[in-house]
């Protein structure tokens, strides 16, 4: 049987530092490799250019702004065959530390 996808690091509370670059981490593993998608719980768009998704699934934020605080939803989706997909969400509460 194929290994089921799972989150590799569960960090439901993370903090990043204002005016520097920060990482909001979320990763998943499985065969085939799960795809990761991010959104904010309040549906505000993630600012293109300033917020980029890394190849490991985590979000790179540069520079971090105070308004980046909030709840983010990291979703992985693993597709096995045309109709079989596993999808799981993880909510990450991000706080911004101002120096």
PDB file of N, CA and C in Angstrom:
ATOM      1  N   UNK A   1       0.843  -1.204   0.000  1.00  0.00           N
ATOM      2  CA  UNK A   1       0.000   0.000   0.000  1.00  0.00           C
ATOM      3  C   UNK A   1       0.878   1.254   0.000  1.00  0.00           C
ATOM      4  N   UNK A   2       0.358   2.291  -0.588  1.00  0.00           N
ATOM      5  CA  UNK A   2       1.120   3.532  -0.673  1.00  0.00           C
ATOM      6  C   UNK A   2       1.088   4.248   0.673  1.00  0.00           C
ATOM      7  N   UNK A   3       2.226   4.821   1.078  1.00  0.00           N
ATOM      8  CA  UNK A   3       2.209   5.571   2.343  1.00  0.00           C
ATOM      9  C   UNK A   3       1.310   6.804   2.224  1.00  0.00           C
ATOM     10  N   UNK A   4       0.527   7.017   3.259  1.00  0.00           N
ATOM     11  CA  UNK A   4      -0.370   8.169   3.265  1.00  0.00           C
ATOM     12  C   UNK A   4       0.433   9.435   3.548  1.00  0.00           C
ATOM     13  N   UNK A   5       0.023  10.504   2.911  1.00  0.00           N
ATOM     14  CA  UNK A   5       0.688  11.776   3.154  1.00  0.00           C
ATOM     15  C   UNK A   5       0.420  12.250   4.575  1.00  0.00           C
ATOM     16  N   UNK A   6       1.395  12.947   5.132  1.00  0.00           N
ATOM     17  CA  UNK A   6       1.188  13.516   6.472  1.00  0.00           C
ATOM     18  C   UNK A   6       2.030  14.771   6.608  1.00  0.00           C
ATOM     19  N   UNK A   7       1.623  15.639   7.537  1.00  0.00           N
ATOM     20  CA  UNK A   7       2.424  16.828   7.833  1.00  0.00           C
ATOM     21  C   UNK A   7       3.713  16.395   8.521  1.00  0.00           C
ATOM     22  N   UNK A   8       4.834  16.965   8.117  1.00  0.00           N
ATOM     23  CA  UNK A   8       6.098  16.569   8.719  1.00  0.00           C
ATOM     24  C   UNK A   8       6.417  17.404   9.953  1.00  0.00           C
ATOM     25  N   UNK A   9       6.042  18.670   9.950  1.00  0.00           N
ATOM     26  CA  UNK A   9       6.288  19.446  11.176  1.00  0.00           C
ATOM     27  C   UNK A   9       5.032  20.208  11.537  1.00  0.00           C
ATOM     28  N   UNK A  10       4.514  19.875  12.704  1.00  0.00           N
ATOM     29  CA  UNK A  10       3.303  20.555  13.161  1.00  0.00           C
ATOM     30  C   UNK A  10       3.715  21.612  14.166  1.00  0.00           C
ATOM     31  N   UNK A  11       3.704  22.864  13.707  1.00  0.00           N
ATOM     32  CA  UNK A  11       3.991  23.970  14.624  1.00  0.00           C
ATOM     33  C   UNK A  11       2.800  24.913  14.547  1.00  0.00           C
ATOM     34  N   UNK A  12       1.785  24.682  15.381  1.00  0.00           N
ATOM     35  CA  UNK A  12       0.558  25.474  15.273  1.00  0.00           C
ATOM     36  C   UNK A  12       0.731  26.928  15.697  1.00  0.00           C
ATOM     37  N   UNK A  13       1.815  27.245  16.411  1.00  0.00           N
ATOM     38  CA  UNK A  13       2.067  28.638  16.775  1.00  0.00           C
ATOM     39  C   UNK A  13       3.485  28.978  16.376  1.00  0.00           C
ATOM     40  N   UNK A  14       3.611  30.032  15.558  1.00  0.00           N
ATOM     41  CA  UNK A  14       4.924  30.429  15.078  1.00  0.00           C
ATOM     42  C   UNK A  14       5.033  31.943  15.169  1.00  0.00           C
ATOM     43  N   UNK A  15       6.255  32.419  15.350  1.00  0.00           N
ATOM     44  CA  UNK A  15       6.431  33.865  15.350  1.00  0.00           C
ATOM     45  C   UNK A  15       7.534  34.254  14.379  1.00  0.00           C
ATOM     46  N   UNK A  16       7.349  35.420  13.772  1.00  0.00           N
ATOM     47  CA  UNK A  16       8.326  35.979  12.844  1.00  0.00           C
ATOM     48  C   UNK A  16       8.609  37.414  13.292  1.00  0.00           C
ATOM     49  N   UNK A  17       9.734  37.942  12.867  1.00  0.00           N
ATOM     50  CA  UNK A  17      10.200  39.237  13.374  1.00  0.00           C
ATOM     51  C   UNK A  17       9.985  40.336  12.330  1.00  0.00           C
ATOM     52  N   UNK A  18       9.331  41.411  12.752  1.00  0.00           N
ATOM     53  CA  UNK A  18       9.033  42.519  11.843  1.00  0.00           C
ATOM     54  C   UNK A  18      10.316  43.095  11.254  1.00  0.00           C
ATOM     55  N   UNK A  19      10.226  43.564  10.017  1.00  0.00           N
ATOM     56  CA  UNK A  19      11.311  44.239   9.295  1.00  0.00           C
ATOM     57  C   UNK A  19      12.488  43.324   8.950  1.00  0.00           C
ATOM     58  N   UNK A  20      12.352  42.017   9.173  1.00  0.00           N
ATOM     59  CA  UNK A  20      13.399  41.125   8.686  1.00  0.00           C
ATOM     60  C   UNK A  20      12.707  40.083   7.806  1.00  0.00           C
ATOM     61  N   UNK A  21      13.444  39.064   7.385  1.00  0.00           N
ATOM     62  CA  UNK A  21      12.775  38.027   6.613  1.00  0.00           C
ATOM     63  C   UNK A  21      12.400  36.901   7.563  1.00  0.00           C
ATOM     64  N   UNK A  22      11.290  36.256   7.297  1.00  0.00           N
ATOM     65  CA  UNK A  22      10.818  35.203   8.185  1.00  0.00           C
ATOM     66  C   UNK A  22      10.276  34.032   7.407  1.00  0.00           C
ATOM     67  N   UNK A  23      10.205  32.900   8.083  1.00  0.00           N
ATOM     68  CA  UNK A  23       9.675  31.681   7.479  1.00  0.00           C
ATOM     69  C   UNK A  23       8.498  31.195   8.317  1.00  0.00           C
ATOM     70  N   UNK A  24       7.383  30.924   7.650  1.00  0.00           N
ATOM     71  CA  UNK A  24       6.257  30.247   8.302  1.00  0.00           C
ATOM     72  C   UNK A  24       6.331  28.823   7.785  1.00  0.00           C
ATOM     73  N   UNK A  25       6.615  27.881   8.666  1.00  0.00           N
ATOM     74  CA  UNK A  25       6.926  26.547   8.154  1.00  0.00           C
ATOM     75  C   UNK A  25       5.747  25.602   8.179  1.00  0.00           C
ATOM     76  N   UNK A  26       5.675  24.826   7.109  1.00  0.00           N
ATOM     77  CA  UNK A  26       4.693  23.765   6.983  1.00  0.00           C
ATOM     78  C   UNK A  26       5.233  22.832   5.914  1.00  0.00           C
ATOM     79  N   UNK A  27       5.265  21.543   6.208  1.00  0.00           N
ATOM     80  CA  UNK A  27       5.748  20.584   5.227  1.00  0.00           C
ATOM     81  C   UNK A  27       4.927  19.316   5.305  1.00  0.00           C
ATOM     82  N   UNK A  28       4.919  18.574   4.207  1.00  0.00           N
ATOM     83  CA  UNK A  28       4.198  17.307   4.177  1.00  0.00           C
ATOM     84  C   UNK A  28       5.017  16.320   3.364  1.00  0.00           C
ATOM     85  N   UNK A  29       4.851  15.046   3.693  1.00  0.00           N
ATOM     86  CA  UNK A  29       5.570  14.021   2.941  1.00  0.00           C
ATOM     87  C   UNK A  29       4.621  12.898   2.586  1.00  0.00           C
ATOM     88  N   UNK A  30       4.991  12.156   1.565  1.00  0.00           N
ATOM     89  CA  UNK A  30       4.179  11.035   1.127  1.00  0.00           C
ATOM     90  C   UNK A  30       4.580  10.667  -0.288  1.00  0.00           C
ATOM     91  N   UNK A  31       4.023   9.580  -0.792  1.00  0.00           N
ATOM     92  CA  UNK A  31       4.271   9.170  -2.168  1.00  0.00           C
ATOM     93  C   UNK A  31       2.927   9.006  -2.857  1.00  0.00           C
ATOM     94  N   UNK A  32       2.632   9.748  -3.913  1.00  0.00           N
ATOM     95  CA  UNK A  32       3.432  10.840  -4.486  1.00  0.00           C
ATOM     96  C   UNK A  32       3.508  12.051  -3.551  1.00  0.00           C
ATOM     97  N   UNK A  33       4.474  12.916  -3.826  1.00  0.00           N
ATOM     98  CA  UNK A  33       4.698  14.094  -2.985  1.00  0.00           C
ATOM     99  C   UNK A  33       3.455  14.981  -2.951  1.00  0.00           C
ATOM    100  N   UNK A  34       2.980  15.310  -1.740  1.00  0.00           N
ATOM    101  CA  UNK A  34       1.799  16.188  -1.642  1.00  0.00           C
ATOM    102  C   UNK A  34       2.128  17.624  -2.063  1.00  0.00           C
ATOM    103  N   UNK A  35       1.156  18.273  -2.679  1.00  0.00           N
ATOM    104  CA  UNK A  35       1.279  19.692  -3.026  1.00  0.00           C
ATOM    105  C   UNK A  35       0.754  20.514  -1.858  1.00  0.00           C
ATOM    106  N   UNK A  36       1.454  21.620  -1.549  1.00  0.00           N
ATOM    107  CA  UNK A  36       1.044  22.452  -0.423  1.00  0.00           C
ATOM    108  C   UNK A  36       0.501  23.779  -0.933  1.00  0.00           C
ATOM    109  N   UNK A  37      -0.585  24.213  -0.329  1.00  0.00           N
ATOM    110  CA  UNK A  37      -1.152  25.524  -0.657  1.00  0.00           C
ATOM    111  C   UNK A  37      -1.398  26.282   0.638  1.00  0.00           C
ATOM    112  N   UNK A  38      -1.269  27.604   0.551  1.00  0.00           N
ATOM    113  CA  UNK A  38      -1.440  28.478   1.711  1.00  0.00           C
ATOM    114  C   UNK A  38      -2.557  29.474   1.461  1.00  0.00           C
ATOM    115  N   UNK A  39      -3.265  29.791   2.529  1.00  0.00           N
ATOM    116  CA  UNK A  39      -4.141  30.955   2.494  1.00  0.00           C
ATOM    117  C   UNK A  39      -4.291  31.471   3.911  1.00  0.00           C
ATOM    118  N   UNK A  40      -4.744  32.714   3.998  1.00  0.00           N
ATOM    119  CA  UNK A  40      -5.049  33.272   5.315  1.00  0.00           C
ATOM    120  C   UNK A  40      -6.475  32.913   5.671  1.00  0.00           C
ATOM    121  N   UNK A  41      -6.710  32.683   6.964  1.00  0.00           N
ATOM    122  CA  UNK A  41      -8.065  32.320   7.391  1.00  0.00           C
ATOM    123  C   UNK A  41      -9.049  33.457   7.114  1.00  0.00           C
ATOM    124  N   UNK A  42      -8.565  34.698   7.177  1.00  0.00           N
ATOM    125  CA  UNK A  42      -9.456  35.837   6.914  1.00  0.00           C
ATOM    126  C   UNK A  42      -9.583  36.143   5.420  1.00  0.00           C
ATOM    127  N   UNK A  43      -9.021  35.277   4.580  1.00  0.00           N
ATOM    128  CA  UNK A  43      -9.141  35.372   3.125  1.00  0.00           C
ATOM    129  C   UNK A  43      -8.393  36.558   2.511  1.00  0.00           C
ATOM    130  N   UNK A  44      -7.633  37.314   3.317  1.00  0.00           N
ATOM    131  CA  UNK A  44      -6.824  38.387   2.725  1.00  0.00           C
ATOM    132  C   UNK A  44      -5.790  37.750   1.805  1.00  0.00           C
ATOM    133  N   UNK A  45      -5.555  38.337   0.628  1.00  0.00           N
ATOM    134  CA  UNK A  45      -4.588  37.714  -0.280  1.00  0.00           C
ATOM    135  C   UNK A  45      -3.167  37.780   0.263  1.00  0.00           C
ATOM    136  N   UNK A  46      -2.369  36.786  -0.070  1.00  0.00           N
ATOM    137  CA  UNK A  46      -0.949  36.802   0.304  1.00  0.00           C
ATOM    138  C   UNK A  46      -0.231  37.671  -0.723  1.00  0.00           C
ATOM    139  N   UNK A  47       0.501  38.655  -0.231  1.00  0.00           N
ATOM    140  CA  UNK A  47       1.099  39.658  -1.108  1.00  0.00           C
ATOM    141  C   UNK A  47       2.191  39.046  -1.997  1.00  0.00           C
ATOM    142  N   UNK A  48       1.944  39.084  -3.300  1.00  0.00           N
ATOM    143  CA  UNK A  48       2.897  38.492  -4.254  1.00  0.00           C
ATOM    144  C   UNK A  48       4.225  39.229  -4.202  1.00  0.00           C
ATOM    145  N   UNK A  49       5.313  38.489  -4.359  1.00  0.00           N
ATOM    146  CA  UNK A  49       6.627  39.114  -4.339  1.00  0.00           C
ATOM    147  C   UNK A  49       7.190  39.160  -2.937  1.00  0.00           C
ATOM    148  N   UNK A  50       6.391  39.643  -1.992  1.00  0.00           N
ATOM    149  CA  UNK A  50       6.865  39.730  -0.609  1.00  0.00           C
ATOM    150  C   UNK A  50       6.707  38.384   0.102  1.00  0.00           C
ATOM    151  N   UNK A  51       5.715  37.623  -0.294  1.00  0.00           N
ATOM    152  CA  UNK A  51       5.455  36.320   0.320  1.00  0.00           C
ATOM    153  C   UNK A  51       5.580  35.258  -0.768  1.00  0.00           C
ATOM    154  N   UNK A  52       6.560  34.377  -0.607  1.00  0.00           N
ATOM    155  CA  UNK A  52       6.798  33.349  -1.623  1.00  0.00           C
ATOM    156  C   UNK A  52       6.781  31.972  -0.967  1.00  0.00           C
ATOM    157  N   UNK A  53       6.256  31.002  -1.703  1.00  0.00           N
ATOM    158  CA  UNK A  53       6.281  29.634  -1.203  1.00  0.00           C
ATOM    159  C   UNK A  53       7.581  28.966  -1.642  1.00  0.00           C
ATOM    160  N   UNK A  54       8.282  28.378  -0.689  1.00  0.00           N
ATOM    161  CA  UNK A  54       9.532  27.684  -0.982  1.00  0.00           C
ATOM    162  C   UNK A  54       9.248  26.278  -1.492  1.00  0.00           C
ATOM    163  N   UNK A  55      10.269  25.643  -2.057  1.00  0.00           N
ATOM    164  CA  UNK A  55      10.069  24.300  -2.613  1.00  0.00           C
ATOM    165  C   UNK A  55       9.715  23.280  -1.531  1.00  0.00           C
ATOM    166  N   UNK A  56      10.102  23.541  -0.276  1.00  0.00           N
ATOM    167  CA  UNK A  56       9.756  22.591   0.797  1.00  0.00           C
ATOM    168  C   UNK A  56       8.349  22.824   1.352  1.00  0.00           C
ATOM    169  N   UNK A  57       7.639  23.809   0.791  1.00  0.00           N
ATOM    170  CA  UNK A  57       6.258  24.052   1.215  1.00  0.00           C
ATOM    171  C   UNK A  57       6.093  25.240   2.135  1.00  0.00           C
ATOM    172  N   UNK A  58       7.185  25.639   2.831  1.00  0.00           N
ATOM    173  CA  UNK A  58       7.087  26.751   3.777  1.00  0.00           C
ATOM    174  C   UNK A  58       6.916  28.084   3.057  1.00  0.00           C
ATOM    175  N   UNK A  59       6.459  29.080   3.813  1.00  0.00           N
ATOM    176  CA  UNK A  59       6.291  30.427   3.253  1.00  0.00           C
ATOM    177  C   UNK A  59       7.467  31.293   3.688  1.00  0.00           C
ATOM    178  N   UNK A  60       8.048  32.007   2.726  1.00  0.00           N
ATOM    179  CA  UNK A  60       9.130  32.944   3.021  1.00  0.00           C
ATOM    180  C   UNK A  60       8.548  34.347   2.914  1.00  0.00           C
ATOM    181  N   UNK A  61       8.669  35.123   3.981  1.00  0.00           N
ATOM    182  CA  UNK A  61       8.096  36.461   4.030  1.00  0.00           C
ATOM    183  C   UNK A  61       9.243  37.462   4.159  1.00  0.00           C
ATOM    184  N   UNK A  62       9.354  38.395   3.214  1.00  0.00           N
ATOM    185  CA  UNK A  62      10.454  39.362   3.254  1.00  0.00           C
ATOM    186  C   UNK A  62      10.061  40.662   2.566  1.00  0.00           C
ATOM    187  N   UNK A  63       9.991  41.766   3.319  1.00  0.00           N
ATOM    188  CA  UNK A  63      10.148  41.843   4.774  1.00  0.00           C
ATOM    189  C   UNK A  63       8.828  41.528   5.486  1.00  0.00           C
ATOM    190  N   UNK A  64       8.963  41.113   6.757  1.00  0.00           N
ATOM    191  CA  UNK A  64       7.787  40.851   7.579  1.00  0.00           C
ATOM    192  C   UNK A  64       7.163  42.184   7.986  1.00  0.00           C
ATOM    193  N   UNK A  65       5.849  42.275   7.893  1.00  0.00           N
ATOM    194  CA  UNK A  65       5.122  43.475   8.320  1.00  0.00           C
ATOM    195  C   UNK A  65       4.183  43.106   9.466  1.00  0.00           C
ATOM    196  N   UNK A  66       3.838  44.088  10.318  1.00  0.00           N
ATOM    197  CA  UNK A  66       2.949  43.784  11.451  1.00  0.00           C
ATOM    198  C   UNK A  66       1.645  43.115  11.022  1.00  0.00           C
ATOM    199  N   UNK A  67       1.126  43.515   9.855  1.00  0.00           N
ATOM    200  CA  UNK A  67      -0.165  42.953   9.426  1.00  0.00           C
ATOM    201  C   UNK A  67      -0.074  41.498   8.960  1.00  0.00           C
ATOM    202  N   UNK A  68       1.139  40.938   8.961  1.00  0.00           N
ATOM    203  CA  UNK A  68       1.268  39.522   8.607  1.00  0.00           C
ATOM    204  C   UNK A  68       0.783  38.605   9.725  1.00  0.00           C
ATOM    205  N   UNK A  69       0.556  39.170  10.909  1.00  0.00           N
ATOM    206  CA  UNK A  69       0.076  38.319  11.994  1.00  0.00           C
ATOM    207  C   UNK A  69      -1.334  37.825  11.684  1.00  0.00           C
ATOM    208  N   UNK A  70      -1.657  36.664  12.198  1.00  0.00           N
ATOM    209  CA  UNK A  70      -2.984  36.111  11.964  1.00  0.00           C
ATOM    210  C   UNK A  70      -2.905  34.608  11.781  1.00  0.00           C
ATOM    211  N   UNK A  71      -4.034  34.045  11.417  1.00  0.00           N
ATOM    212  CA  UNK A  71      -4.097  32.589  11.243  1.00  0.00           C
ATOM    213  C   UNK A  71      -3.956  32.246   9.759  1.00  0.00           C
ATOM    214  N   UNK A  72      -3.055  31.318   9.498  1.00  0.00           N
ATOM    215  CA  UNK A  72      -2.811  30.847   8.137  1.00  0.00           C
ATOM    216  C   UNK A  72      -3.251  29.383   8.048  1.00  0.00           C
ATOM    217  N   UNK A  73      -3.752  29.009   6.891  1.00  0.00           N
ATOM    218  CA  UNK A  73      -4.144  27.623   6.682  1.00  0.00           C
ATOM    219  C   UNK A  73      -3.197  27.016   5.655  1.00  0.00           C
ATOM    220  N   UNK A  74      -2.480  25.999   6.094  1.00  0.00           N
ATOM    221  CA  UNK A  74      -1.597  25.249   5.212  1.00  0.00           C
ATOM    222  C   UNK A  74      -2.350  23.972   4.841  1.00  0.00           C
ATOM    223  N   UNK A  75      -2.563  23.762   3.551  1.00  0.00           N
ATOM    224  CA  UNK A  75      -3.315  22.607   3.071  1.00  0.00           C
ATOM    225  C   UNK A  75      -2.414  21.744   2.212  1.00  0.00           C
ATOM    226  N   UNK A  76      -2.398  20.439   2.474  1.00  0.00           N
ATOM    227  CA  UNK A  76      -1.711  19.597   1.498  1.00  0.00           C
ATOM    228  C   UNK A  76      -2.739  18.763   0.759  1.00  0.00           C
ATOM    229  N   UNK A  77      -2.410  18.503  -0.491  1.00  0.00           N
ATOM    230  CA  UNK A  77      -3.273  17.698  -1.349  1.00  0.00           C
ATOM    231  C   UNK A  77      -2.396  16.667  -2.030  1.00  0.00           C
ATOM    232  N   UNK A  78      -2.778  15.411  -1.856  1.00  0.00           N
ATOM    233  CA  UNK A  78      -2.027  14.324  -2.475  1.00  0.00           C
ATOM    234  C   UNK A  78      -2.962  13.591  -3.423  1.00  0.00           C
ATOM    235  N   UNK A  79      -2.581  13.530  -4.682  1.00  0.00           N
ATOM    236  CA  UNK A  79      -3.429  12.907  -5.685  1.00  0.00           C
ATOM    237  C   UNK A  79      -2.903  11.520  -6.019  1.00  0.00           C
ATOM    238  N   UNK A  80      -3.774  10.542  -5.918  1.00  0.00           N
ATOM    239  CA  UNK A  80      -3.428   9.169  -6.300  1.00  0.00           C
ATOM    240  C   UNK A  80      -4.492   8.707  -7.276  1.00  0.00           C
ATOM    241  N   UNK A  81      -4.159   8.725  -8.546  1.00  0.00           N
ATOM    242  CA  UNK A  81      -5.148   8.312  -9.526  1.00  0.00           C
ATOM    243  C   UNK A  81      -6.160   9.416  -9.755  1.00  0.00           C
ATOM    244  N   UNK A  82      -7.038   9.246 -10.744  1.00  0.00           N
ATOM    245  CA  UNK A  82      -7.928  10.337 -11.150  1.00  0.00           C
ATOM    246  C   UNK A  82      -8.913  10.774 -10.079  1.00  0.00           C
ATOM    247  N   UNK A  83      -9.337   9.850  -9.212  1.00  0.00           N
ATOM    248  CA  UNK A  83     -10.414  10.224  -8.287  1.00  0.00           C
ATOM    249  C   UNK A  83     -10.011  10.170  -6.827  1.00  0.00           C
ATOM    250  N   UNK A  84      -8.773   9.779  -6.557  1.00  0.00           N
ATOM    251  CA  UNK A  84      -8.409   9.603  -5.150  1.00  0.00           C
ATOM    252  C   UNK A  84      -7.454  10.710  -4.736  1.00  0.00           C
ATOM    253  N   UNK A  85      -7.924  11.569  -3.893  1.00  0.00           N
ATOM    254  CA  UNK A  85      -7.067  12.642  -3.391  1.00  0.00           C
ATOM    255  C   UNK A  85      -7.258  12.752  -1.885  1.00  0.00           C
ATOM    256  N   UNK A  86      -6.153  12.980  -1.197  1.00  0.00           N
ATOM    257  CA  UNK A  86      -6.196  13.207   0.249  1.00  0.00           C
ATOM    258  C   UNK A  86      -5.917  14.682   0.463  1.00  0.00           C
ATOM    259  N   UNK A  87      -6.727  15.320   1.275  1.00  0.00           N
ATOM    260  CA  UNK A  87      -6.493  16.730   1.553  1.00  0.00           C
ATOM    261  C   UNK A  87      -6.564  16.951   3.059  1.00  0.00           C
ATOM    262  N   UNK A  88      -5.584  17.665   3.607  1.00  0.00           N
ATOM    263  CA  UNK A  88      -5.605  17.950   5.042  1.00  0.00           C
ATOM    264  C   UNK A  88      -5.172  19.385   5.271  1.00  0.00           C
ATOM    265  N   UNK A  89      -5.769  19.991   6.288  1.00  0.00           N
ATOM    266  CA  UNK A  89      -5.461  21.382   6.645  1.00  0.00           C
ATOM    267  C   UNK A  89      -4.751  21.428   7.979  1.00  0.00           C
ATOM    268  N   UNK A  90      -3.896  22.425   8.113  1.00  0.00           N
ATOM    269  CA  UNK A  90      -3.282  22.727   9.402  1.00  0.00           C
ATOM    270  C   UNK A  90      -3.395  24.243   9.588  1.00  0.00           C
ATOM    271  N   UNK A  91      -3.928  24.656  10.733  1.00  0.00           N
ATOM    272  CA  UNK A  91      -4.031  26.097  11.004  1.00  0.00           C
ATOM    273  C   UNK A  91      -2.823  26.525  11.822  1.00  0.00           C
ATOM    274  N   UNK A  92      -2.166  27.582  11.354  1.00  0.00           N
ATOM    275  CA  UNK A  92      -0.966  28.075  12.029  1.00  0.00           C
ATOM    276  C   UNK A  92      -1.241  29.515  12.466  1.00  0.00           C
ATOM    277  N   UNK A  93      -1.083  29.749  13.753  1.00  0.00           N
ATOM    278  CA  UNK A  93      -1.303  31.075  14.319  1.00  0.00           C
ATOM    279  C   UNK A  93       0.035  31.793  14.356  1.00  0.00           C
ATOM    280  N   UNK A  94       0.159  32.826  13.527  1.00  0.00           N
ATOM    281  CA  UNK A  94       1.427  33.522  13.366  1.00  0.00           C
ATOM    282  C   UNK A  94       1.402  34.844  14.130  1.00  0.00           C
ATOM    283  N   UNK A  95       2.402  35.054  14.979  1.00  0.00           N
ATOM    284  CA  UNK A  95       2.521  36.349  15.632  1.00  0.00           C
ATOM    285  C   UNK A  95       3.776  37.053  15.098  1.00  0.00           C
ATOM    286  N   UNK A  96       3.693  38.375  15.079  1.00  0.00           N
ATOM    287  CA  UNK A  96       4.812  39.180  14.583  1.00  0.00           C
ATOM    288  C   UNK A  96       5.434  39.891  15.763  1.00  0.00           C
ATOM    289  N   UNK A  97       6.719  39.678  15.955  1.00  0.00           N
ATOM    290  CA  UNK A  97       7.453  40.331  17.044  1.00  0.00           C
ATOM    291  C   UNK A  97       8.092  41.590  16.470  1.00  0.00           C
ATOM    292  N   UNK A  98       7.815  42.744  17.089  1.00  0.00           N
ATOM    293  CA  UNK A  98       8.495  43.943  16.611  1.00  0.00           C
ATOM    294  C   UNK A  98       9.697  44.209  17.491  1.00  0.00           C
ATOM    295  N   UNK A  99      10.800  44.484  16.839  1.00  0.00           N
ATOM    296  CA  UNK A  99      12.047  44.659  17.586  1.00  0.00           C
ATOM    297  C   UNK A  99      12.117  46.041  18.217  1.00  0.00           C
TER     298      UNK A  99
END
